[in-house]
Amino acid sequence: MALYLRSVHRLCTARQAMSFQTPTIHRMITMQVKTVQEVEGKSKETHDDKNNRLNRPMSPHLTIYKPQLTTMLSITHRGTGVALSGVTAGLGALFIFTDLPTFVQFVHGLELPSAAIMSAKGLVAYPFFYHLCNGIRHLVWDAGKCLTIKQVYSTGYGVIVGSLLLTVLSLAYTT
């Protein structure tokens, strides 16, 4: 018990010694009352002119950032998710009125060239495999793995190559 009390005392003493005694810097900002005319400005004044006149700071925007692999992969991941949801909802709505054999018979009745059918399959397969591979990549990140910049970029390139490879393999083995 005495050992416990000594350790608690040491902990309290250490906390007091570590207390932040840094001086606090207070920034004083004077509020100014402006008339409606000053705030609204001129009728042909642009947004940037108004912000300059009112001494407002310029906020960063997407246009000032250089596009990076990680940014593009993230945007593409979201886009493929939305596209796959749309395709799934569209096919679901289609099959409310008909069944799968009737739809397949309809597509065969169109007598489309095999290149058009393969292209249509590829347009559905690539987003699916991209979203799958990038989703696995995100699960690996959630596990705390592959989070260095080098690993993030190498897994990003792996997602692109893997989804292309899976798409080509799926198209090669379909009839």
N, C-alpha and C. Protein backbone atom coordinates (compact mmCIF):
# COMPACT_ATOMS: atom_id res chain seq x y z
N MET A 1 0.82 -1.19 0.00
CA MET A 1 0.00 0.00 0.00
C MET A 1 0.86 1.26 0.00
N ALA A 2 1.93 1.20 0.78
CA ALA A 2 2.83 2.36 0.85
C ALA A 2 3.47 2.61 -0.51
N LEU A 3 3.82 1.51 -1.21
CA LEU A 3 4.40 1.65 -2.54
C LEU A 3 3.41 2.30 -3.50
N TYR A 4 2.16 1.91 -3.40
CA TYR A 4 1.11 2.50 -4.24
C TYR A 4 0.96 3.99 -3.95
N LEU A 5 0.94 4.38 -2.68
CA LEU A 5 0.79 5.78 -2.32
C LEU A 5 1.98 6.61 -2.79
N ARG A 6 3.20 6.03 -2.70
CA ARG A 6 4.37 6.75 -3.19
C ARG A 6 4.28 6.96 -4.70
N SER A 7 3.81 5.93 -5.44
CA SER A 7 3.71 6.07 -6.90
C SER A 7 2.64 7.10 -7.27
N VAL A 8 1.54 7.15 -6.52
CA VAL A 8 0.50 8.13 -6.77
C VAL A 8 1.04 9.53 -6.47
N HIS A 9 1.80 9.68 -5.39
CA HIS A 9 2.39 10.98 -5.04
C HIS A 9 3.36 11.43 -6.14
N ARG A 10 4.19 10.50 -6.62
CA ARG A 10 5.13 10.84 -7.69
C ARG A 10 4.38 11.26 -8.96
N LEU A 11 3.30 10.56 -9.27
CA LEU A 11 2.50 10.91 -10.44
C LEU A 11 1.91 12.31 -10.31
N CYS A 12 1.38 12.63 -9.14
CA CYS A 12 0.80 13.96 -8.92
C CYS A 12 1.87 15.04 -9.00
N THR A 13 3.03 14.76 -8.45
CA THR A 13 4.14 15.71 -8.50
C THR A 13 4.59 15.92 -9.94
N ALA A 14 4.67 14.85 -10.70
CA ALA A 14 5.08 14.95 -12.10
C ALA A 14 4.06 15.75 -12.91
N ARG A 15 2.79 15.54 -12.63
CA ARG A 15 1.75 16.29 -13.34
C ARG A 15 1.83 17.78 -13.03
N GLN A 16 2.11 18.12 -11.77
CA GLN A 16 2.24 19.53 -11.42
C GLN A 16 3.44 20.16 -12.10
N ALA A 17 4.53 19.39 -12.19
CA ALA A 17 5.73 19.91 -12.84
C ALA A 17 5.51 20.08 -14.34
N MET A 18 4.67 19.22 -14.90
CA MET A 18 4.42 19.27 -16.34
C MET A 18 3.32 20.25 -16.72
N SER A 19 2.70 20.85 -15.75
CA SER A 19 1.59 21.74 -16.09
C SER A 19 2.09 22.84 -17.02
N PHE A 20 1.28 23.17 -17.95
CA PHE A 20 1.66 24.12 -18.98
C PHE A 20 1.62 25.54 -18.42
N GLN A 21 2.78 26.11 -18.23
CA GLN A 21 2.89 27.45 -17.71
C GLN A 21 3.26 28.44 -18.81
N THR A 22 3.04 28.05 -20.05
CA THR A 22 3.40 28.93 -21.15
C THR A 22 2.45 30.12 -21.15
N PRO A 23 2.97 31.28 -21.48
CA PRO A 23 2.10 32.46 -21.50
C PRO A 23 1.08 32.35 -22.63
N THR A 24 -0.11 32.77 -22.36
CA THR A 24 -1.17 32.76 -23.35
C THR A 24 -1.13 34.08 -24.12
N ILE A 25 -1.17 33.98 -25.42
CA ILE A 25 -1.16 35.16 -26.25
C ILE A 25 -2.61 35.48 -26.62
N HIS A 26 -3.04 36.64 -26.22
CA HIS A 26 -4.40 37.06 -26.54
C HIS A 26 -4.35 37.98 -27.74
N ARG A 27 -5.15 37.69 -28.71
CA ARG A 27 -5.20 38.51 -29.91
C ARG A 27 -6.46 39.34 -29.85
N MET A 28 -6.29 40.62 -29.87
CA MET A 28 -7.42 41.52 -29.80
C MET A 28 -7.84 41.92 -31.21
N ILE A 29 -9.09 41.75 -31.52
CA ILE A 29 -9.62 42.16 -32.81
C ILE A 29 -10.75 43.15 -32.53
N THR A 30 -10.63 44.30 -33.15
CA THR A 30 -11.68 45.29 -32.95
C THR A 30 -12.77 45.08 -33.99
N MET A 31 -13.97 45.01 -33.52
CA MET A 31 -15.11 44.86 -34.42
C MET A 31 -15.45 46.23 -34.99
N GLN A 32 -15.73 46.25 -36.26
CA GLN A 32 -16.10 47.51 -36.90
C GLN A 32 -17.52 47.40 -37.43
N VAL A 33 -18.24 48.46 -37.27
CA VAL A 33 -19.59 48.50 -37.79
C VAL A 33 -19.51 49.11 -39.19
N LYS A 34 -20.07 48.38 -40.15
CA LYS A 34 -20.06 48.87 -41.53
C LYS A 34 -21.49 49.07 -42.00
N THR A 35 -21.64 50.01 -42.88
CA THR A 35 -22.97 50.28 -43.42
C THR A 35 -23.32 49.21 -44.45
N VAL A 36 -24.58 49.14 -44.78
CA VAL A 36 -25.05 48.17 -45.77
C VAL A 36 -24.38 48.43 -47.12
N GLN A 37 -24.20 49.69 -47.47
CA GLN A 37 -23.58 50.03 -48.75
C GLN A 37 -22.13 49.55 -48.80
N GLU A 38 -21.42 49.64 -47.68
CA GLU A 38 -20.04 49.17 -47.66
C GLU A 38 -19.95 47.66 -47.85
N VAL A 39 -20.87 46.95 -47.24
CA VAL A 39 -20.84 45.49 -47.33
C VAL A 39 -21.35 45.02 -48.68
N GLU A 40 -22.47 45.56 -49.15
CA GLU A 40 -23.04 45.13 -50.42
C GLU A 40 -22.19 45.56 -51.59
N GLY A 41 -21.62 46.73 -51.52
CA GLY A 41 -20.73 47.18 -52.57
C GLY A 41 -21.47 47.62 -53.81
N LYS A 42 -20.71 47.66 -54.88
CA LYS A 42 -21.25 48.11 -56.16
C LYS A 42 -21.97 46.96 -56.85
N SER A 43 -22.88 47.28 -57.72
CA SER A 43 -23.69 46.24 -58.36
C SER A 43 -22.88 45.38 -59.32
N LYS A 44 -21.83 45.92 -59.94
CA LYS A 44 -21.05 45.15 -60.90
C LYS A 44 -19.74 44.66 -60.29
N GLU A 45 -19.65 44.66 -58.99
CA GLU A 45 -18.44 44.23 -58.30
C GLU A 45 -18.39 42.70 -58.25
N THR A 46 -17.24 42.14 -58.57
CA THR A 46 -17.10 40.68 -58.53
C THR A 46 -16.89 40.22 -57.09
N HIS A 47 -17.01 38.93 -56.91
CA HIS A 47 -16.81 38.33 -55.59
C HIS A 47 -15.41 38.61 -55.07
N ASP A 48 -14.40 38.46 -55.93
CA ASP A 48 -13.02 38.69 -55.50
C ASP A 48 -12.77 40.16 -55.17
N ASP A 49 -13.35 41.08 -55.95
CA ASP A 49 -13.20 42.51 -55.66
C ASP A 49 -13.81 42.86 -54.31
N LYS A 50 -14.97 42.28 -54.02
CA LYS A 50 -15.62 42.55 -52.74
C LYS A 50 -14.77 42.03 -51.59
N ASN A 51 -14.22 40.82 -51.74
CA ASN A 51 -13.37 40.27 -50.68
C ASN A 51 -12.11 41.10 -50.48
N ASN A 52 -11.53 41.59 -51.56
CA ASN A 52 -10.35 42.46 -51.43
C ASN A 52 -10.71 43.76 -50.74
N ARG A 53 -11.84 44.35 -51.09
CA ARG A 53 -12.26 45.61 -50.50
C ARG A 53 -12.52 45.46 -49.01
N LEU A 54 -13.06 44.30 -48.61
CA LEU A 54 -13.38 44.06 -47.20
C LEU A 54 -12.21 43.45 -46.43
N ASN A 55 -11.04 43.31 -47.09
CA ASN A 55 -9.83 42.74 -46.48
C ASN A 55 -10.05 41.32 -45.97
N ARG A 56 -10.78 40.54 -46.73
CA ARG A 56 -11.01 39.14 -46.36
C ARG A 56 -9.87 38.29 -46.90
N PRO A 57 -9.47 37.27 -46.17
CA PRO A 57 -8.37 36.43 -46.66
C PRO A 57 -8.84 35.53 -47.79
N MET A 58 -7.92 35.15 -48.64
CA MET A 58 -8.22 34.25 -49.75
C MET A 58 -8.15 32.82 -49.23
N SER A 59 -9.18 32.05 -49.47
CA SER A 59 -9.20 30.65 -49.03
C SER A 59 -8.61 29.76 -50.11
N PRO A 60 -7.92 28.67 -49.71
CA PRO A 60 -7.41 27.74 -50.72
C PRO A 60 -8.56 27.05 -51.43
N HIS A 61 -8.34 26.70 -52.67
CA HIS A 61 -9.36 26.06 -53.48
C HIS A 61 -8.72 24.91 -54.24
N LEU A 62 -9.54 24.03 -54.77
CA LEU A 62 -9.02 22.88 -55.52
C LEU A 62 -8.14 23.28 -56.69
N THR A 63 -8.37 24.46 -57.23
CA THR A 63 -7.61 24.87 -58.42
C THR A 63 -6.16 25.18 -58.11
N ILE A 64 -5.80 25.37 -56.83
CA ILE A 64 -4.41 25.68 -56.53
C ILE A 64 -3.59 24.43 -56.21
N TYR A 65 -4.24 23.29 -56.09
CA TYR A 65 -3.53 22.07 -55.77
C TYR A 65 -3.17 21.29 -57.03
N LYS A 66 -1.99 20.69 -57.02
CA LYS A 66 -1.56 19.85 -58.13
C LYS A 66 -2.26 18.49 -57.99
N PRO A 67 -2.88 17.99 -59.06
CA PRO A 67 -3.53 16.68 -58.97
C PRO A 67 -2.49 15.59 -58.66
N GLN A 68 -2.83 14.74 -57.70
CA GLN A 68 -1.94 13.66 -57.30
C GLN A 68 -2.63 12.33 -57.54
N LEU A 69 -1.83 11.27 -57.56
CA LEU A 69 -2.38 9.93 -57.78
C LEU A 69 -3.43 9.61 -56.73
N THR A 70 -3.14 9.90 -55.47
CA THR A 70 -4.07 9.56 -54.40
C THR A 70 -5.39 10.32 -54.54
N THR A 71 -5.31 11.56 -54.98
CA THR A 71 -6.53 12.35 -55.18
C THR A 71 -7.38 11.76 -56.30
N MET A 72 -6.73 11.44 -57.41
CA MET A 72 -7.45 10.90 -58.56
C MET A 72 -8.05 9.53 -58.24
N LEU A 73 -7.31 8.70 -57.50
CA LEU A 73 -7.84 7.38 -57.14
C LEU A 73 -9.04 7.52 -56.20
N SER A 74 -8.99 8.48 -55.30
CA SER A 74 -10.12 8.68 -54.38
C SER A 74 -11.36 9.14 -55.14
N ILE A 75 -11.18 10.10 -56.04
CA ILE A 75 -12.31 10.60 -56.83
C ILE A 75 -12.87 9.48 -57.70
N THR A 76 -11.98 8.70 -58.31
CA THR A 76 -12.42 7.59 -59.17
C THR A 76 -13.14 6.52 -58.36
N HIS A 77 -12.67 6.26 -57.13
CA HIS A 77 -13.34 5.28 -56.28
C HIS A 77 -14.77 5.69 -55.99
N ARG A 78 -14.96 6.96 -55.69
CA ARG A 78 -16.32 7.45 -55.43
C ARG A 78 -17.17 7.41 -56.70
N GLY A 79 -16.56 7.79 -57.83
CA GLY A 79 -17.29 7.77 -59.10
C GLY A 79 -17.71 6.37 -59.51
N THR A 80 -16.82 5.40 -59.34
CA THR A 80 -17.18 4.02 -59.70
C THR A 80 -18.26 3.48 -58.77
N GLY A 81 -18.22 3.90 -57.52
CA GLY A 81 -19.28 3.47 -56.59
C GLY A 81 -20.64 4.00 -57.02
N VAL A 82 -20.67 5.27 -57.41
CA VAL A 82 -21.93 5.87 -57.87
C VAL A 82 -22.38 5.20 -59.17
N ALA A 83 -21.44 4.98 -60.09
CA ALA A 83 -21.79 4.37 -61.38
C ALA A 83 -22.31 2.95 -61.19
N LEU A 84 -21.66 2.18 -60.33
CA LEU A 84 -22.12 0.80 -60.09
C LEU A 84 -23.49 0.80 -59.42
N SER A 85 -23.73 1.75 -58.55
CA SER A 85 -25.06 1.85 -57.92
C SER A 85 -26.11 2.17 -58.97
N GLY A 86 -25.77 3.07 -59.89
CA GLY A 86 -26.71 3.42 -60.96
C GLY A 86 -27.01 2.25 -61.87
N VAL A 87 -25.97 1.50 -62.24
CA VAL A 87 -26.17 0.32 -63.10
C VAL A 87 -27.02 -0.72 -62.38
N THR A 88 -26.72 -0.94 -61.10
CA THR A 88 -27.49 -1.92 -60.33
C THR A 88 -28.95 -1.50 -60.21
N ALA A 89 -29.17 -0.21 -59.94
CA ALA A 89 -30.56 0.27 -59.83
C ALA A 89 -31.27 0.19 -61.17
N GLY A 90 -30.55 0.52 -62.26
CA GLY A 90 -31.15 0.45 -63.59
C GLY A 90 -31.52 -0.97 -63.97
N LEU A 91 -30.63 -1.92 -63.72
CA LEU A 91 -30.95 -3.31 -64.02
C LEU A 91 -32.06 -3.83 -63.13
N GLY A 92 -32.05 -3.38 -61.87
CA GLY A 92 -33.13 -3.79 -60.96
C GLY A 92 -34.47 -3.27 -61.44
N ALA A 93 -34.49 -2.03 -61.91
CA ALA A 93 -35.74 -1.46 -62.42
C ALA A 93 -36.17 -2.17 -63.70
N LEU A 94 -35.20 -2.57 -64.52
CA LEU A 94 -35.52 -3.28 -65.75
C LEU A 94 -36.14 -4.64 -65.45
N PHE A 95 -35.58 -5.33 -64.45
CA PHE A 95 -36.06 -6.68 -64.15
C PHE A 95 -37.36 -6.69 -63.35
N ILE A 96 -37.86 -5.53 -62.99
CA ILE A 96 -39.19 -5.48 -62.39
C ILE A 96 -40.23 -5.87 -63.44
N PHE A 97 -39.96 -5.48 -64.70
CA PHE A 97 -40.93 -5.70 -65.76
C PHE A 97 -40.65 -6.94 -66.59
N THR A 98 -39.46 -7.49 -66.49
CA THR A 98 -39.11 -8.69 -67.28
C THR A 98 -38.18 -9.57 -66.46
N ASP A 99 -37.94 -10.77 -66.96
CA ASP A 99 -37.01 -11.66 -66.27
C ASP A 99 -35.71 -11.77 -67.06
N LEU A 100 -34.70 -12.40 -66.48
CA LEU A 100 -33.37 -12.45 -67.09
C LEU A 100 -33.36 -13.19 -68.43
N PRO A 101 -33.99 -14.35 -68.58
CA PRO A 101 -33.95 -15.02 -69.89
C PRO A 101 -34.56 -14.17 -71.01
N THR A 102 -35.61 -13.44 -70.70
CA THR A 102 -36.22 -12.58 -71.71
C THR A 102 -35.26 -11.46 -72.10
N PHE A 103 -34.55 -10.90 -71.14
CA PHE A 103 -33.59 -9.84 -71.42
C PHE A 103 -32.43 -10.36 -72.27
N VAL A 104 -31.93 -11.55 -71.93
CA VAL A 104 -30.83 -12.15 -72.71
C VAL A 104 -31.30 -12.42 -74.14
N GLN A 105 -32.51 -12.92 -74.29
CA GLN A 105 -33.05 -13.16 -75.62
C GLN A 105 -33.19 -11.85 -76.40
N PHE A 106 -33.58 -10.77 -75.72
CA PHE A 106 -33.68 -9.47 -76.36
C PHE A 106 -32.32 -8.99 -76.87
N VAL A 107 -31.28 -9.15 -76.04
CA VAL A 107 -29.93 -8.72 -76.43
C VAL A 107 -29.44 -9.55 -77.61
N HIS A 108 -29.68 -10.86 -77.61
CA HIS A 108 -29.29 -11.70 -78.75
C HIS A 108 -30.06 -11.29 -80.00
N GLY A 109 -31.30 -10.87 -79.84
CA GLY A 109 -32.11 -10.44 -80.97
C GLY A 109 -31.61 -9.15 -81.61
N LEU A 110 -30.84 -8.35 -80.86
CA LEU A 110 -30.28 -7.12 -81.43
C LEU A 110 -29.18 -7.40 -82.44
N GLU A 111 -28.60 -8.59 -82.39
CA GLU A 111 -27.52 -9.03 -83.28
C GLU A 111 -26.38 -8.00 -83.30
N LEU A 112 -25.93 -7.64 -82.11
CA LEU A 112 -24.80 -6.71 -81.98
C LEU A 112 -23.50 -7.42 -82.31
N PRO A 113 -22.52 -6.72 -82.87
CA PRO A 113 -21.22 -7.35 -83.10
C PRO A 113 -20.57 -7.71 -81.77
N SER A 114 -19.72 -8.72 -81.79
CA SER A 114 -19.10 -9.19 -80.55
C SER A 114 -18.22 -8.11 -79.93
N ALA A 115 -17.65 -7.21 -80.74
CA ALA A 115 -16.83 -6.13 -80.20
C ALA A 115 -17.68 -5.18 -79.35
N ALA A 116 -18.90 -4.92 -79.77
CA ALA A 116 -19.79 -4.04 -79.01
C ALA A 116 -20.20 -4.70 -77.69
N ILE A 117 -20.45 -5.99 -77.74
CA ILE A 117 -20.83 -6.71 -76.51
C ILE A 117 -19.65 -6.75 -75.54
N MET A 118 -18.44 -7.03 -76.07
CA MET A 118 -17.25 -7.06 -75.22
C MET A 118 -16.97 -5.68 -74.63
N SER A 119 -17.19 -4.63 -75.41
CA SER A 119 -16.99 -3.27 -74.90
C SER A 119 -17.97 -2.95 -73.78
N ALA A 120 -19.21 -3.35 -73.95
CA ALA A 120 -20.22 -3.12 -72.92
C ALA A 120 -19.88 -3.89 -71.65
N LYS A 121 -19.41 -5.13 -71.82
CA LYS A 121 -19.01 -5.91 -70.65
C LYS A 121 -17.81 -5.26 -69.95
N GLY A 122 -16.88 -4.76 -70.75
CA GLY A 122 -15.70 -4.09 -70.18
C GLY A 122 -16.05 -2.80 -69.45
N LEU A 123 -17.04 -2.07 -69.98
CA LEU A 123 -17.48 -0.83 -69.33
C LEU A 123 -18.15 -1.08 -67.98
N VAL A 124 -18.65 -2.29 -67.79
CA VAL A 124 -19.22 -2.64 -66.49
C VAL A 124 -18.17 -3.33 -65.62
N ALA A 125 -17.31 -4.15 -66.25
CA ALA A 125 -16.34 -4.93 -65.48
C ALA A 125 -15.24 -4.06 -64.87
N TYR A 126 -14.71 -3.08 -65.64
CA TYR A 126 -13.60 -2.29 -65.10
C TYR A 126 -13.99 -1.50 -63.84
N PRO A 127 -15.10 -0.76 -63.85
CA PRO A 127 -15.46 -0.07 -62.60
C PRO A 127 -15.68 -1.03 -61.44
N PHE A 128 -16.25 -2.21 -61.73
CA PHE A 128 -16.46 -3.19 -60.67
C PHE A 128 -15.13 -3.63 -60.08
N PHE A 129 -14.19 -4.03 -60.92
CA PHE A 129 -12.91 -4.53 -60.42
C PHE A 129 -12.07 -3.41 -59.81
N TYR A 130 -12.16 -2.20 -60.35
CA TYR A 130 -11.45 -1.07 -59.75
C TYR A 130 -11.97 -0.82 -58.34
N HIS A 131 -13.29 -0.76 -58.21
CA HIS A 131 -13.90 -0.50 -56.90
C HIS A 131 -13.56 -1.63 -55.92
N LEU A 132 -13.53 -2.86 -56.40
CA LEU A 132 -13.18 -4.01 -55.57
C LEU A 132 -11.74 -3.89 -55.08
N CYS A 133 -10.80 -3.67 -56.00
CA CYS A 133 -9.38 -3.59 -55.63
C CYS A 133 -9.11 -2.40 -54.70
N ASN A 134 -9.70 -1.26 -54.99
CA ASN A 134 -9.48 -0.10 -54.14
C ASN A 134 -10.16 -0.26 -52.78
N GLY A 135 -11.27 -0.98 -52.74
CA GLY A 135 -11.91 -1.28 -51.46
C GLY A 135 -11.04 -2.17 -50.60
N ILE A 136 -10.38 -3.15 -51.21
CA ILE A 136 -9.44 -4.01 -50.48
C ILE A 136 -8.27 -3.18 -49.97
N ARG A 137 -7.81 -2.25 -50.79
CA ARG A 137 -6.73 -1.34 -50.39
C ARG A 137 -7.14 -0.53 -49.15
N HIS A 138 -8.37 -0.05 -49.14
CA HIS A 138 -8.85 0.71 -47.99
C HIS A 138 -8.98 -0.17 -46.75
N LEU A 139 -9.35 -1.43 -46.92
CA LEU A 139 -9.41 -2.35 -45.78
C LEU A 139 -8.01 -2.58 -45.20
N VAL A 140 -7.02 -2.66 -46.07
CA VAL A 140 -5.63 -2.80 -45.60
C VAL A 140 -5.23 -1.55 -44.81
N TRP A 141 -5.61 -0.38 -45.31
CA TRP A 141 -5.32 0.86 -44.58
C TRP A 141 -6.02 0.86 -43.22
N ASP A 142 -7.27 0.38 -43.19
CA ASP A 142 -8.01 0.35 -41.92
C ASP A 142 -7.33 -0.55 -40.90
N ALA A 143 -6.57 -1.54 -41.39
CA ALA A 143 -5.83 -2.42 -40.50
C ALA A 143 -4.52 -1.77 -40.05
N GLY A 144 -4.22 -0.58 -40.55
CA GLY A 144 -3.01 0.12 -40.16
C GLY A 144 -1.79 -0.27 -40.96
N LYS A 145 -1.98 -0.87 -42.09
CA LYS A 145 -0.86 -1.33 -42.93
C LYS A 145 -0.74 -0.42 -44.16
N CYS A 146 0.46 -0.40 -44.73
CA CYS A 146 0.75 0.29 -46.00
C CYS A 146 0.38 1.76 -45.96
N LEU A 147 0.78 2.47 -44.92
CA LEU A 147 0.39 3.86 -44.78
C LEU A 147 1.52 4.85 -45.05
N THR A 148 2.70 4.37 -45.41
CA THR A 148 3.76 5.31 -45.77
C THR A 148 3.48 5.83 -47.18
N ILE A 149 4.07 6.96 -47.52
CA ILE A 149 3.81 7.58 -48.83
C ILE A 149 4.21 6.61 -49.95
N LYS A 150 5.36 5.97 -49.81
CA LYS A 150 5.81 5.03 -50.85
C LYS A 150 4.82 3.87 -51.01
N GLN A 151 4.35 3.33 -49.89
CA GLN A 151 3.40 2.22 -49.96
C GLN A 151 2.04 2.66 -50.49
N VAL A 152 1.63 3.86 -50.15
CA VAL A 152 0.35 4.37 -50.65
C VAL A 152 0.39 4.48 -52.17
N TYR A 153 1.50 5.01 -52.70
CA TYR A 153 1.62 5.14 -54.15
C TYR A 153 1.77 3.78 -54.83
N SER A 154 2.55 2.86 -54.23
CA SER A 154 2.72 1.55 -54.86
C SER A 154 1.41 0.76 -54.84
N THR A 155 0.64 0.85 -53.76
CA THR A 155 -0.66 0.16 -53.75
C THR A 155 -1.64 0.84 -54.71
N GLY A 156 -1.49 2.15 -54.90
CA GLY A 156 -2.34 2.86 -55.88
C GLY A 156 -2.09 2.36 -57.29
N TYR A 157 -0.80 2.24 -57.65
CA TYR A 157 -0.48 1.69 -58.97
C TYR A 157 -0.91 0.22 -59.06
N GLY A 158 -0.81 -0.50 -57.93
CA GLY A 158 -1.26 -1.88 -57.91
C GLY A 158 -2.75 -2.01 -58.15
N VAL A 159 -3.52 -1.06 -57.62
CA VAL A 159 -4.98 -1.05 -57.85
C VAL A 159 -5.28 -0.87 -59.33
N ILE A 160 -4.58 0.05 -59.98
CA ILE A 160 -4.82 0.30 -61.40
C ILE A 160 -4.47 -0.93 -62.22
N VAL A 161 -3.27 -1.49 -61.98
CA VAL A 161 -2.83 -2.67 -62.74
C VAL A 161 -3.72 -3.86 -62.44
N GLY A 162 -4.04 -4.05 -61.16
CA GLY A 162 -4.88 -5.20 -60.77
C GLY A 162 -6.27 -5.13 -61.38
N SER A 163 -6.87 -3.96 -61.39
CA SER A 163 -8.22 -3.85 -61.96
C SER A 163 -8.19 -4.04 -63.47
N LEU A 164 -7.15 -3.53 -64.14
CA LEU A 164 -7.03 -3.77 -65.59
C LEU A 164 -6.83 -5.25 -65.88
N LEU A 165 -5.97 -5.89 -65.09
CA LEU A 165 -5.70 -7.32 -65.29
C LEU A 165 -6.95 -8.15 -65.05
N LEU A 166 -7.68 -7.88 -63.98
CA LEU A 166 -8.91 -8.62 -63.70
C LEU A 166 -9.98 -8.39 -64.77
N THR A 167 -10.04 -7.18 -65.31
CA THR A 167 -10.99 -6.88 -66.38
C THR A 167 -10.66 -7.68 -67.63
N VAL A 168 -9.38 -7.67 -68.02
CA VAL A 168 -8.97 -8.41 -69.22
C VAL A 168 -9.20 -9.90 -69.02
N LEU A 169 -8.87 -10.42 -67.85
CA LEU A 169 -9.09 -11.85 -67.59
C LEU A 169 -10.57 -12.20 -67.61
N SER A 170 -11.40 -11.35 -67.06
CA SER A 170 -12.84 -11.66 -67.07
C SER A 170 -13.41 -11.60 -68.47
N LEU A 171 -12.92 -10.68 -69.30
CA LEU A 171 -13.39 -10.61 -70.68
C LEU A 171 -12.87 -11.78 -71.51
N ALA A 172 -11.68 -12.25 -71.18
CA ALA A 172 -11.10 -13.37 -71.93
C ALA A 172 -11.85 -14.68 -71.66
N TYR A 173 -12.42 -14.81 -70.48
CA TYR A 173 -13.07 -16.06 -70.12
C TYR A 173 -14.60 -15.98 -70.14
N THR A 174 -15.15 -15.00 -70.85
CA THR A 174 -16.62 -14.94 -70.99
C THR A 174 -17.01 -15.40 -72.37
N THR A 175 -18.21 -15.85 -72.49
CA THR A 175 -18.67 -16.30 -73.81
C THR A 175 -19.60 -15.29 -74.43
